[in-house]
Amino acid sequence: MTKPSLLALADRMSFAPEPDDFTASRLRIELLSGLTVALALVPEAVAFAFVAGVHPLVGLYAAFIVGLITALIGGRPGMISGATGALAVVMVSLVAQHGVEYLFATVVLMGIIQIIVGAMHWGKFIRLVPHPVMLGFVNGLAIVIFLAQLTQFQVPGTAEASGHGMSGGEWLSGMPLYMMLALVVLTMVIIWGMPKITTIIPAPLAGIGIVAAVVIGFGLDVPRVGDMASIEGGLPAFHVPMVPLNFETFEIILPYALILAAIGLIESLLTLNLVGDLTGRRGGASQECMAQGVANTVTGFFGGMGGCAMIGQSMINVKSGGRTRVAGIAAALFLLIFILFAAPLIEQIPLAALVGVMFMVVIGTFAWNSLKILAKVPLTDAFVTVLVTVVTVATDLATAVIVGVIVSALAYAWNNAKRIHAITRPSNTEEGAKVYEIQGPLFFGSTDGFAEIFDIENDPDTVIVDFAASRVVDQSALQAVEALATKYEEAGKRIMLRHLSRDCHRLLTKAGHLMVDSDDDPDYEIAADYGVRTGIIGGH
């Protein structure tokens, strides 16, 4: 990074609250929103720690450290980061084969990779993710969040880590099940109705508080946070991963680190865009990459499992009124307070209340409008939306987004490949010459169509190919131009190129195809014609 870019990054990483009217009322909203998020983070972090095969405190420490650092220096105030299921499902095989120390080393390397991505400003490539992929991402994660909550309807301690959450456990039945469902519905009703009564307290926090009071007050026998695991612990301690510092260790952890870094950044950047849409803020992709990298590097040295942005908790925060860094910082600090001092109290919170909160998050996150527009948008876009949703649920987010982008890119290339055609007319400047006005881009997908345009046998001795409405894009296009020139050359005819745009001019000049050089034609100041030098790229 250059010095100016470092200064610009430092300017953006402001620790001060962003709104100019940051009042006591705003501070209250931010703190209460942070408290709500912290309460929802506890069961998620514990569950994902189980999925990864590590101690619950490893997940809780990751939620605290990653959440705190990204709240301080992340690219989007209002975003919440922590231990996530998308990363946990990748970590489980590493922990099973090599142990938790290798996980810590992997998280450190993962963070370093993310810092490099941020420093190189590669976060900007998230703009290549089309809207149908974004819809599929949102819908897929909403379904994943929903499925993860279903494990809370199992008898505590009977489920095993699998996929996006826990599976294979014994389901609740009879009165315990009915009571669990009733409390979940009560929580959801409170969250729905509270804003109609008052906005002093965030609705999710009110739902958790009221349902917890009912359960504790009446001594109801329902699953509680403490039934999952004890969350009591001390401050995270600095700890260098106890792994051999050799190339063999690097070979083991590098593949996992690359996958984790990719998944973490993709989920974080897509969540950043989603939160940006909700809060009306844009930008910050490279800063978010840097923040995620710093957070994971530090986490690996303090016994955490690493993490990334959490769409569920981010939605809770935004919809509870959190708009600044204060809410994210408060959430992380509240979580630490729970671990150090309030574990016995937090462990009494009924899981039903937290499930109700997450169910409302699912309802608010899922893009219900996408179901209405599937029949109205192009078939390819509808297919991509459904595909990304299914792949997100079946595998992981990174795979789903990559698949969606590839399918969208191929569809775009195919549509553009069909666009190329030509308008023919006599030349106004060359007597007896024929002009082919090319319409549509010339690239790898349209080279066959480009070759079929020309009637070499019946064309006159001079042919002008006019690129005013076209672009020569890539090596395949260069090959197509050279192949065409070769065919006309073999037929004893002359071919010239006209109206090259500046980028086409530069590309053909660099490749050595142009026999005449001019600085005027790219600006269309004169209609300079260029001969084509053949034999440069050659055959196959």
Protein backbone atom coordinates (compact mmCIF):
# COMPACT_ATOMS: atom_id res chain seq x y z
CA MET A 1 0.00 0.00 0.00
CA THR A 2 1.25 3.48 -0.79
CA LYS A 3 1.46 6.15 1.85
CA PRO A 4 -1.51 8.13 0.46
CA SER A 5 -3.68 4.99 0.41
CA LEU A 6 -2.69 4.24 4.00
CA LEU A 7 -3.67 7.76 5.02
CA ALA A 8 -6.96 7.45 3.17
CA LEU A 9 -7.64 4.14 4.89
CA ALA A 10 -6.83 5.70 8.26
CA ASP A 11 -9.25 8.54 7.55
CA ARG A 12 -12.05 6.07 6.84
CA MET A 13 -11.29 4.02 9.95
CA SER A 14 -12.83 6.58 12.25
CA PHE A 15 -13.60 5.39 15.77
CA ALA A 16 -16.07 8.20 16.36
CA PRO A 17 -19.80 7.69 15.87
CA GLU A 18 -20.78 8.73 12.36
CA PRO A 19 -24.05 10.66 12.77
CA ASP A 20 -23.63 14.35 13.54
CA ASP A 21 -26.62 14.19 15.92
CA PHE A 22 -25.14 11.49 18.18
CA THR A 23 -27.21 12.11 21.29
CA ALA A 24 -27.92 10.24 24.51
CA SER A 25 -30.95 8.71 22.81
CA ARG A 26 -28.81 7.44 19.95
CA LEU A 27 -26.28 6.01 22.42
CA ARG A 28 -29.07 4.16 24.23
CA ILE A 29 -30.30 2.66 20.96
CA GLU A 30 -26.79 1.58 19.98
CA LEU A 31 -26.07 -0.03 23.37
CA LEU A 32 -29.39 -1.85 23.53
CA SER A 33 -28.92 -3.05 19.96
CA GLY A 34 -25.46 -4.31 20.89
CA LEU A 35 -26.90 -6.15 23.91
CA THR A 36 -29.51 -7.82 21.71
CA VAL A 37 -26.85 -8.93 19.24
CA ALA A 38 -24.63 -10.26 22.04
CA LEU A 39 -27.47 -12.40 23.41
CA ALA A 40 -28.09 -13.84 19.95
CA LEU A 41 -24.35 -14.44 19.43
CA VAL A 42 -24.01 -16.81 22.39
CA PRO A 43 -25.90 -19.88 21.11
CA GLU A 44 -24.63 -19.32 17.56
CA ALA A 45 -20.98 -19.24 18.65
CA VAL A 46 -21.41 -22.29 20.86
CA ALA A 47 -23.21 -24.24 18.13
CA PHE A 48 -20.60 -23.41 15.49
CA ALA A 49 -17.82 -24.39 17.90
CA PHE A 50 -19.49 -27.79 18.22
CA VAL A 51 -19.70 -28.03 14.42
CA ALA A 52 -15.96 -27.30 14.13
CA GLY A 53 -15.18 -29.83 16.85
CA VAL A 54 -13.65 -27.36 19.32
CA HIS A 55 -14.45 -26.13 22.85
CA PRO A 56 -17.36 -23.63 23.07
CA LEU A 57 -15.02 -20.95 24.44
CA VAL A 58 -13.02 -21.16 21.18
CA GLY A 59 -16.14 -20.03 19.35
CA LEU A 60 -17.03 -17.40 21.95
CA TYR A 61 -13.52 -15.92 21.96
CA ALA A 62 -13.67 -15.71 18.15
CA ALA A 63 -17.03 -13.95 18.30
CA PHE A 64 -15.62 -11.43 20.80
CA ILE A 65 -12.30 -10.69 19.08
CA VAL A 66 -13.49 -10.74 15.47
CA GLY A 67 -16.60 -8.78 16.42
CA LEU A 68 -14.62 -6.13 18.31
CA ILE A 69 -11.90 -5.55 15.71
CA THR A 70 -14.24 -5.45 12.73
CA ALA A 71 -16.57 -3.11 14.62
CA LEU A 72 -13.63 -0.76 15.22
CA ILE A 73 -12.04 -0.73 11.76
CA GLY A 74 -14.49 -2.51 9.44
CA GLY A 75 -15.81 -1.12 6.19
CA ARG A 76 -19.43 -0.73 7.24
CA PRO A 77 -20.72 0.52 10.63
CA GLY A 78 -23.64 -1.65 11.62
CA MET A 79 -22.14 -4.94 10.45
CA ILE A 80 -21.60 -7.72 12.97
CA SER A 81 -18.90 -10.37 12.61
CA GLY A 82 -18.15 -13.51 14.58
CA ALA A 83 -17.81 -17.28 14.38
CA THR A 84 -19.94 -18.59 11.51
CA GLY A 85 -21.23 -21.93 10.29
CA ALA A 86 -19.89 -21.31 6.77
CA LEU A 87 -16.35 -21.44 8.18
CA ALA A 88 -17.03 -24.10 10.79
CA VAL A 89 -18.01 -26.75 8.24
CA VAL A 90 -14.60 -26.33 6.57
CA MET A 91 -12.69 -26.39 9.87
CA VAL A 92 -14.12 -29.66 11.16
CA SER A 93 -11.98 -31.95 8.97
CA LEU A 94 -8.81 -29.99 9.81
CA VAL A 95 -9.47 -30.28 13.54
CA ALA A 96 -10.34 -33.97 13.25
CA GLN A 97 -7.15 -34.81 11.34
CA HIS A 98 -4.57 -32.50 12.89
CA GLY A 99 -5.96 -30.99 16.09
CA VAL A 100 -7.01 -27.55 17.29
CA GLU A 101 -3.49 -26.06 17.25
CA TYR A 102 -3.39 -26.45 13.49
CA LEU A 103 -6.72 -24.65 13.37
CA PHE A 104 -5.25 -21.66 15.20
CA ALA A 105 -2.29 -21.59 12.78
CA THR A 106 -4.68 -21.80 9.85
CA VAL A 107 -6.74 -18.89 11.16
CA VAL A 108 -3.57 -16.76 11.42
CA LEU A 109 -2.63 -17.58 7.81
CA MET A 110 -6.22 -16.99 6.74
CA GLY A 111 -6.04 -13.51 8.26
CA ILE A 112 -2.75 -12.73 6.52
CA ILE A 113 -4.25 -13.73 3.17
CA GLN A 114 -7.24 -11.47 3.81
CA ILE A 115 -4.95 -8.57 4.70
CA ILE A 116 -3.12 -9.05 1.39
CA VAL A 117 -6.44 -9.07 -0.48
CA GLY A 118 -7.40 -5.82 1.24
CA ALA A 119 -4.02 -4.20 0.59
CA MET A 120 -4.27 -5.12 -3.11
CA HIS A 121 -7.81 -3.64 -3.24
CA TRP A 122 -9.21 -6.91 -4.61
CA GLY A 123 -12.38 -6.39 -2.60
CA LYS A 124 -13.64 -4.22 -5.47
CA PHE A 125 -14.22 -7.37 -7.52
CA ILE A 126 -17.30 -8.08 -5.41
CA ARG A 127 -19.02 -5.75 -7.89
CA LEU A 128 -18.80 -8.61 -10.40
CA VAL A 129 -21.42 -10.48 -8.37
CA PRO A 130 -24.68 -9.90 -10.25
CA HIS A 131 -27.99 -9.18 -8.57
CA PRO A 132 -29.48 -12.68 -9.12
CA VAL A 133 -26.49 -14.13 -7.25
CA MET A 134 -27.06 -11.63 -4.44
CA LEU A 135 -30.70 -12.70 -4.20
CA GLY A 136 -29.66 -16.34 -4.11
CA PHE A 137 -27.09 -15.57 -1.41
CA VAL A 138 -29.67 -13.83 0.76
CA ASN A 139 -32.29 -16.53 0.30
CA GLY A 140 -29.80 -19.35 0.78
CA LEU A 141 -28.43 -17.92 4.01
CA ALA A 142 -31.95 -17.28 5.29
CA ILE A 143 -32.73 -20.97 4.75
CA VAL A 144 -29.44 -22.00 6.39
CA ILE A 145 -30.21 -19.82 9.43
CA PHE A 146 -33.68 -21.39 9.62
CA LEU A 147 -32.34 -24.94 9.39
CA ALA A 148 -29.70 -24.20 12.03
CA GLN A 149 -32.44 -23.17 14.48
CA LEU A 150 -34.27 -26.47 14.06
CA THR A 151 -31.52 -28.18 16.06
CA GLN A 152 -32.80 -26.29 19.13
CA PHE A 153 -35.91 -28.48 18.90
CA GLN A 154 -33.77 -31.50 19.72
CA VAL A 155 -33.00 -32.88 23.16
CA PRO A 156 -29.83 -31.05 24.34
CA GLY A 157 -26.70 -33.19 24.03
CA THR A 158 -28.12 -35.71 21.55
CA ALA A 159 -27.20 -33.97 18.27
CA GLU A 160 -23.95 -34.39 16.38
CA ALA A 161 -22.06 -31.82 14.32
CA SER A 162 -22.97 -32.03 10.66
CA GLY A 163 -23.27 -29.64 7.70
CA HIS A 164 -24.54 -26.21 8.63
CA GLY A 165 -25.38 -27.17 12.18
CA MET A 166 -26.21 -30.25 14.25
CA SER A 167 -28.09 -33.34 13.13
CA GLY A 168 -28.99 -36.86 14.15
CA GLY A 169 -30.33 -35.83 17.54
CA GLU A 170 -33.47 -36.88 19.34
CA TRP A 171 -36.37 -34.52 18.62
CA LEU A 172 -38.45 -33.03 21.37
CA SER A 173 -41.97 -34.44 21.63
CA GLY A 174 -45.13 -34.05 23.67
CA MET A 175 -45.38 -31.19 26.16
CA PRO A 176 -41.69 -30.06 25.87
CA LEU A 177 -42.18 -29.60 22.12
CA TYR A 178 -45.50 -27.75 22.51
CA MET A 179 -43.99 -25.48 25.16
CA MET A 180 -40.97 -24.77 22.98
CA LEU A 181 -43.18 -23.88 20.02
CA ALA A 182 -45.43 -21.71 22.18
CA LEU A 183 -42.46 -19.72 23.51
CA VAL A 184 -41.01 -19.31 20.02
CA VAL A 185 -44.33 -17.98 18.74
CA LEU A 186 -44.67 -15.70 21.78
CA THR A 187 -41.22 -14.25 21.09
CA MET A 188 -42.09 -13.63 17.44
CA VAL A 189 -45.39 -11.97 18.36
CA ILE A 190 -43.61 -9.66 20.83
CA ILE A 191 -41.00 -8.72 18.21
CA TRP A 192 -43.76 -8.02 15.68
CA GLY A 193 -45.95 -6.05 18.06
CA MET A 194 -43.44 -4.15 20.23
CA PRO A 195 -42.64 -1.44 17.64
CA LYS A 196 -46.36 -0.63 17.48
CA ILE A 197 -46.31 0.08 21.23
CA THR A 198 -42.90 1.62 21.86
CA THR A 199 -39.47 1.90 20.29
CA ILE A 200 -37.63 2.66 23.51
CA ILE A 201 -36.39 -0.93 23.68
CA PRO A 202 -35.38 -2.89 20.57
CA ALA A 203 -38.11 -5.42 19.79
CA PRO A 204 -35.78 -8.47 19.75
CA LEU A 205 -34.39 -7.53 23.17
CA ALA A 206 -37.92 -7.12 24.51
CA GLY A 207 -38.85 -10.53 23.15
CA ILE A 208 -35.86 -12.19 24.79
CA GLY A 209 -36.40 -10.38 28.10
CA ILE A 210 -40.15 -11.03 28.41
CA VAL A 211 -39.95 -14.71 27.43
CA ALA A 212 -36.94 -15.25 29.73
CA ALA A 213 -38.89 -13.64 32.60
CA VAL A 214 -41.87 -15.91 31.93
CA VAL A 215 -39.70 -19.05 31.87
CA ILE A 216 -37.67 -18.16 34.94
CA GLY A 217 -40.64 -16.73 36.86
CA PHE A 218 -42.83 -19.81 36.33
CA GLY A 219 -39.93 -22.26 36.48
CA LEU A 220 -40.78 -23.78 33.10
CA ASP A 221 -38.71 -26.82 32.17
CA VAL A 222 -37.49 -25.89 28.68
CA PRO A 223 -34.05 -26.01 27.01
CA ARG A 224 -31.85 -23.10 28.03
CA VAL A 225 -28.50 -21.72 26.87
CA GLY A 226 -26.72 -23.55 29.70
CA ASP A 227 -28.00 -26.88 28.38
CA MET A 228 -25.81 -26.44 25.29
CA ALA A 229 -22.60 -25.78 27.24
CA SER A 230 -21.19 -23.58 29.96
CA ILE A 231 -20.08 -20.20 28.61
CA GLU A 232 -18.08 -19.25 31.71
CA GLY A 233 -14.42 -18.51 31.18
CA GLY A 234 -11.61 -16.02 31.57
CA LEU A 235 -9.99 -13.45 29.34
CA PRO A 236 -8.59 -14.87 26.10
CA ALA A 237 -4.83 -15.33 26.55
CA PHE A 238 -2.09 -14.79 23.97
CA HIS A 239 -1.11 -18.15 22.58
CA VAL A 240 1.30 -18.96 19.74
CA PRO A 241 -0.10 -21.99 17.86
CA MET A 242 1.90 -25.05 18.93
CA VAL A 243 2.72 -26.43 15.49
CA PRO A 244 6.05 -27.28 13.85
CA LEU A 245 7.34 -24.27 11.93
CA ASN A 246 8.24 -26.11 8.73
CA PHE A 247 7.09 -26.47 5.13
CA GLU A 248 5.04 -29.58 5.93
CA THR A 249 2.85 -27.58 8.31
CA PHE A 250 2.48 -24.89 5.66
CA GLU A 251 1.35 -27.49 3.13
CA ILE A 252 -1.28 -28.74 5.57
CA ILE A 253 -2.77 -25.39 6.54
CA LEU A 254 -2.48 -23.46 3.24
CA PRO A 255 -5.41 -25.13 1.40
CA TYR A 256 -7.69 -24.65 4.40
CA ALA A 257 -6.52 -21.06 4.87
CA LEU A 258 -7.25 -20.20 1.24
CA ILE A 259 -10.74 -21.71 1.36
CA LEU A 260 -11.54 -20.07 4.70
CA ALA A 261 -10.21 -16.70 3.51
CA ALA A 262 -12.32 -16.89 0.35
CA ILE A 263 -15.50 -17.93 2.16
CA GLY A 264 -14.98 -15.31 4.87
CA LEU A 265 -14.40 -12.47 2.42
CA ILE A 266 -17.24 -13.41 0.08
CA GLU A 267 -19.73 -13.64 2.93
CA SER A 268 -18.40 -10.44 4.50
CA LEU A 269 -18.47 -8.42 1.28
CA LEU A 270 -21.93 -9.61 0.28
CA THR A 271 -23.18 -8.82 3.79
CA LEU A 272 -21.48 -5.42 3.49
CA ASN A 273 -23.47 -4.73 0.33
CA LEU A 274 -26.69 -5.89 1.96
CA VAL A 275 -26.17 -3.71 5.04
CA GLY A 276 -25.20 -0.85 2.73
CA ASP A 277 -28.52 -1.15 0.94
CA LEU A 278 -30.38 -1.05 4.26
CA THR A 279 -28.42 1.87 5.72
CA GLY A 280 -27.84 3.85 2.52
CA ARG A 281 -24.03 3.64 2.65
CA ARG A 282 -21.70 2.32 -0.03
CA GLY A 283 -17.99 1.52 -0.39
CA GLY A 284 -15.55 0.14 2.14
CA ALA A 285 -14.86 -3.24 0.49
CA SER A 286 -11.07 -3.12 0.75
CA GLN A 287 -11.27 -1.74 4.27
CA GLU A 288 -13.55 -4.62 5.26
CA CYS A 289 -11.06 -7.13 3.80
CA MET A 290 -8.29 -5.54 5.87
CA ALA A 291 -10.43 -5.54 9.01
CA GLN A 292 -11.40 -9.20 8.58
CA GLY A 293 -7.74 -10.08 8.02
CA VAL A 294 -6.51 -8.22 11.11
CA ALA A 295 -9.32 -9.72 13.20
CA ASN A 296 -8.58 -13.28 12.16
CA THR A 297 -4.83 -12.90 12.54
CA VAL A 298 -5.30 -11.65 16.11
CA THR A 299 -7.94 -14.31 16.84
CA GLY A 300 -5.59 -17.11 15.84
CA PHE A 301 -3.08 -15.89 18.45
CA PHE A 302 -5.74 -15.75 21.17
CA GLY A 303 -7.30 -19.18 20.84
CA GLY A 304 -10.25 -18.29 18.60
CA MET A 305 -11.63 -20.23 15.65
CA GLY A 306 -11.79 -17.26 13.29
CA GLY A 307 -14.86 -15.72 11.73
CA CYS A 308 -16.45 -13.37 9.24
CA ALA A 309 -19.52 -11.18 8.85
CA MET A 310 -22.78 -12.68 10.14
CA ILE A 311 -25.82 -11.76 8.09
CA GLY A 312 -28.28 -12.83 10.81
CA GLN A 313 -26.73 -10.79 13.59
CA SER A 314 -26.13 -7.87 11.21
CA MET A 315 -29.83 -7.87 10.38
CA ILE A 316 -30.71 -7.96 14.08
CA ASN A 317 -28.44 -4.99 14.70
CA VAL A 318 -29.70 -2.89 11.80
CA LYS A 319 -33.36 -3.60 12.52
CA SER A 320 -32.80 -2.84 16.22
CA GLY A 321 -31.54 0.60 15.25
CA GLY A 322 -27.77 0.03 15.26
CA ARG A 323 -26.16 2.36 12.74
CA THR A 324 -22.69 3.14 14.13
CA ARG A 325 -19.60 1.33 15.34
CA VAL A 326 -20.83 1.70 18.91
CA ALA A 327 -23.38 -1.11 18.50
CA GLY A 328 -20.79 -3.60 17.21
CA ILE A 329 -18.27 -2.65 19.89
CA ALA A 330 -20.96 -2.93 22.57
CA ALA A 331 -22.01 -6.37 21.29
CA ALA A 332 -18.43 -7.65 21.57
CA LEU A 333 -17.92 -6.16 25.04
CA PHE A 334 -21.26 -7.48 26.29
CA LEU A 335 -20.25 -10.92 25.07
CA LEU A 336 -17.01 -10.68 27.04
CA ILE A 337 -18.96 -9.60 30.12
CA PHE A 338 -21.19 -12.65 29.71
CA ILE A 339 -18.13 -14.92 29.60
CA LEU A 340 -16.40 -13.29 32.59
CA PHE A 341 -19.20 -12.34 34.95
CA ALA A 342 -22.73 -13.13 33.77
CA ALA A 343 -22.50 -16.72 32.57
CA PRO A 344 -24.90 -18.14 35.22
CA LEU A 345 -27.54 -15.55 34.30
CA ILE A 346 -27.15 -15.85 30.51
CA GLU A 347 -27.27 -19.63 30.75
CA GLN A 348 -30.82 -19.31 32.13
CA ILE A 349 -32.14 -17.66 28.94
CA PRO A 350 -34.50 -20.07 27.14
CA LEU A 351 -33.33 -21.15 23.71
CA ALA A 352 -36.89 -20.64 22.47
CA ALA A 353 -36.52 -16.87 22.83
CA LEU A 354 -33.34 -16.83 20.76
CA VAL A 355 -34.90 -19.15 18.18
CA GLY A 356 -37.85 -16.77 17.91
CA VAL A 357 -35.47 -13.88 17.26
CA MET A 358 -33.65 -15.82 14.55
CA PHE A 359 -36.92 -16.91 12.93
CA MET A 360 -37.87 -13.23 12.65
CA VAL A 361 -34.44 -12.60 11.13
CA VAL A 362 -35.14 -15.33 8.58
CA ILE A 363 -38.47 -13.73 7.67
CA GLY A 364 -36.82 -10.32 7.32
CA THR A 365 -33.78 -11.62 5.43
CA PHE A 366 -35.42 -13.82 2.81
CA ALA A 367 -36.10 -11.82 -0.36
CA TRP A 368 -39.77 -12.69 -0.67
CA ASN A 369 -40.11 -10.37 -3.64
CA SER A 370 -37.74 -12.66 -5.56
CA LEU A 371 -40.50 -15.30 -5.66
CA LYS A 372 -42.80 -12.84 -7.43
CA ILE A 373 -40.26 -11.69 -10.00
CA LEU A 374 -38.92 -15.13 -10.98
CA ALA A 375 -41.51 -15.36 -13.75
CA LYS A 376 -40.86 -11.77 -14.88
CA VAL A 377 -37.07 -11.70 -15.16
CA PRO A 378 -35.02 -13.45 -17.87
CA LEU A 379 -35.01 -17.23 -17.48
CA THR A 380 -31.24 -17.28 -16.92
CA ASP A 381 -31.47 -14.81 -14.02
CA ALA A 382 -34.28 -16.80 -12.41
CA PHE A 383 -32.24 -19.98 -12.80
CA VAL A 384 -29.15 -18.37 -11.24
CA THR A 385 -31.16 -17.14 -8.24
CA VAL A 386 -32.56 -20.61 -7.56
CA LEU A 387 -29.20 -22.28 -8.26
CA VAL A 388 -27.27 -20.09 -5.81
CA THR A 389 -29.95 -20.62 -3.16
CA VAL A 390 -29.79 -24.41 -3.52
CA VAL A 391 -25.98 -24.60 -3.64
CA THR A 392 -25.67 -22.32 -0.58
CA VAL A 393 -27.88 -24.69 1.40
CA ALA A 394 -26.30 -27.87 0.01
CA THR A 395 -22.61 -26.88 0.21
CA ASP A 396 -21.21 -23.51 1.22
CA LEU A 397 -21.47 -19.85 0.32
CA ALA A 398 -18.18 -19.53 -1.61
CA THR A 399 -19.05 -22.44 -3.90
CA ALA A 400 -22.55 -21.05 -4.45
CA VAL A 401 -21.36 -17.54 -5.34
CA ILE A 402 -18.59 -18.82 -7.63
CA VAL A 403 -21.05 -21.11 -9.42
CA GLY A 404 -23.55 -18.26 -9.75
CA VAL A 405 -20.97 -15.84 -11.13
CA ILE A 406 -19.69 -18.43 -13.64
CA VAL A 407 -23.19 -19.26 -14.88
CA SER A 408 -24.07 -15.55 -15.12
CA ALA A 409 -20.82 -14.81 -16.98
CA LEU A 410 -21.39 -17.65 -19.43
CA ALA A 411 -24.95 -16.50 -20.04
CA TYR A 412 -23.72 -12.95 -20.63
CA ALA A 413 -21.01 -14.18 -23.00
CA TRP A 414 -23.53 -16.28 -24.92
CA ASN A 415 -25.97 -13.40 -25.26
CA ASN A 416 -23.21 -11.11 -26.52
CA ALA A 417 -21.90 -13.79 -28.86
CA LYS A 418 -25.27 -13.84 -30.62
CA ARG A 419 -25.27 -10.07 -31.08
CA ILE A 420 -22.46 -9.81 -33.63
CA HIS A 421 -23.51 -9.06 -37.20
CA ALA A 422 -22.57 -6.63 -39.97
CA ILE A 423 -24.12 -4.02 -42.22
CA THR A 424 -22.55 -3.95 -45.67
CA ARG A 425 -22.32 -0.99 -48.03
CA PRO A 426 -20.06 0.43 -50.74
CA SER A 427 -17.16 2.57 -49.52
CA ASN A 428 -17.38 6.35 -49.74
CA THR A 429 -13.59 6.75 -49.71
CA GLU A 430 -12.22 3.74 -51.58
CA GLU A 431 -13.63 3.23 -55.06
CA GLY A 432 -14.93 -0.28 -55.61
CA ALA A 433 -14.34 -1.28 -51.98
CA LYS A 434 -16.91 -2.99 -49.77
CA VAL A 435 -17.44 -1.92 -46.16
CA TYR A 436 -18.49 -4.29 -43.36
CA GLU A 437 -19.83 -2.27 -40.42
CA ILE A 438 -19.44 -4.69 -37.51
CA GLN A 439 -22.16 -4.53 -34.85
CA GLY A 440 -21.49 -6.11 -31.43
CA PRO A 441 -18.29 -7.02 -29.53
CA LEU A 442 -15.64 -9.30 -31.01
CA PHE A 443 -14.42 -11.68 -28.31
CA PHE A 444 -13.93 -15.41 -27.74
CA GLY A 445 -17.65 -16.15 -27.86
CA SER A 446 -18.38 -14.29 -31.10
CA THR A 447 -15.37 -15.21 -33.28
CA ASP A 448 -17.24 -17.96 -35.13
CA GLY A 449 -20.11 -15.60 -35.90
CA PHE A 450 -17.60 -12.96 -37.00
CA ALA A 451 -15.96 -15.33 -39.48
CA GLU A 452 -19.32 -16.29 -40.98
CA ILE A 453 -20.16 -12.65 -41.78
CA PHE A 454 -17.69 -12.31 -44.66
CA ASP A 455 -18.14 -13.48 -48.27
CA ILE A 456 -14.48 -13.74 -49.22
CA GLU A 457 -15.05 -15.43 -52.57
CA ASN A 458 -17.46 -12.81 -53.91
CA ASP A 459 -16.03 -9.72 -52.19
CA PRO A 460 -14.18 -7.07 -54.26
CA ASP A 461 -10.39 -6.68 -54.14
CA THR A 462 -10.57 -4.20 -51.25
CA VAL A 463 -12.57 -4.80 -48.08
CA ILE A 464 -12.89 -2.36 -45.18
CA VAL A 465 -13.94 -3.65 -41.75
CA ASP A 466 -15.46 -0.77 -39.76
CA PHE A 467 -15.30 -1.21 -35.95
CA ALA A 468 -17.12 2.02 -35.01
CA ALA A 469 -19.91 -0.01 -33.39
CA SER A 470 -17.74 -2.87 -32.17
CA ARG A 471 -14.77 -3.67 -29.95
CA VAL A 472 -11.80 -6.00 -30.36
CA VAL A 473 -11.67 -7.45 -26.87
CA ASP A 474 -9.26 -10.35 -26.39
CA GLN A 475 -6.70 -12.74 -27.91
CA SER A 476 -9.45 -14.76 -29.57
CA ALA A 477 -10.55 -11.56 -31.30
CA LEU A 478 -6.97 -10.88 -32.44
CA GLN A 479 -6.78 -14.43 -33.78
CA ALA A 480 -10.08 -13.92 -35.63
CA VAL A 481 -8.86 -10.68 -37.24
CA GLU A 482 -5.60 -12.31 -38.31
CA ALA A 483 -7.36 -15.41 -39.63
CA LEU A 484 -9.71 -13.24 -41.67
CA ALA A 485 -6.82 -11.19 -43.06
CA THR A 486 -4.98 -14.39 -43.97
CA LYS A 487 -7.96 -15.68 -45.93
CA TYR A 488 -8.30 -12.42 -47.88
CA GLU A 489 -4.53 -12.41 -48.45
CA GLU A 490 -4.63 -15.94 -49.84
CA ALA A 491 -7.47 -14.83 -52.13
CA GLY A 492 -5.29 -11.99 -53.41
CA LYS A 493 -7.43 -9.30 -51.79
CA ARG A 494 -6.71 -6.45 -49.40
CA ILE A 495 -8.42 -5.92 -46.02
CA MET A 496 -8.28 -2.76 -43.93
CA LEU A 497 -9.55 -1.86 -40.45
CA ARG A 498 -11.31 1.43 -39.78
CA HIS A 499 -12.61 3.37 -36.75
CA LEU A 500 -10.76 1.49 -34.08
CA SER A 501 -11.55 2.75 -30.58
CA ARG A 502 -8.56 3.68 -28.47
CA ASP A 503 -8.59 0.41 -26.50
CA CYS A 504 -8.86 -1.64 -29.71
CA HIS A 505 -6.10 0.42 -31.29
CA ARG A 506 -3.85 -0.18 -28.30
CA LEU A 507 -4.57 -3.92 -28.27
CA LEU A 508 -3.87 -4.40 -31.99
CA THR A 509 -0.76 -2.21 -31.87
CA LYS A 510 0.65 -4.14 -28.89
CA ALA A 511 0.02 -7.44 -30.64
CA GLY A 512 1.76 -6.11 -33.75
CA HIS A 513 -1.20 -6.53 -36.08
CA LEU A 514 -1.33 -2.94 -37.37
CA MET A 515 0.86 -2.12 -40.38
CA VAL A 516 0.14 1.63 -40.07
CA ASP A 517 0.22 3.51 -36.78
CA SER A 518 -1.81 6.65 -36.09
CA ASP A 519 -2.87 8.60 -33.00
CA ASP A 520 -5.89 10.09 -34.75
CA ASP A 521 -8.13 7.19 -35.63
CA PRO A 522 -8.98 6.20 -32.02
CA ASP A 523 -10.54 9.65 -31.60
CA TYR A 524 -12.23 9.44 -34.99
CA GLU A 525 -10.57 12.68 -36.14
CA ILE A 526 -9.74 11.07 -39.49
CA ALA A 527 -10.89 7.81 -41.00
CA ALA A 528 -7.44 6.22 -41.08
CA ASP A 529 -7.35 2.72 -42.52
CA TYR A 530 -5.00 0.09 -41.15
CA GLY A 531 -3.62 -2.88 -42.97
CA VAL A 532 -3.32 -6.12 -41.02
CA ARG A 533 0.00 -7.91 -40.50
CA THR A 534 -0.55 -11.67 -40.59
CA GLY A 535 1.50 -14.54 -39.21
CA ILE A 536 1.80 -13.04 -35.71
CA ILE A 537 -0.35 -15.30 -33.57
CA GLY A 538 -0.33 -18.16 -36.03
CA GLY A 539 -2.65 -21.10 -36.21
CA HIS A 540 -3.75 -23.25 -33.31
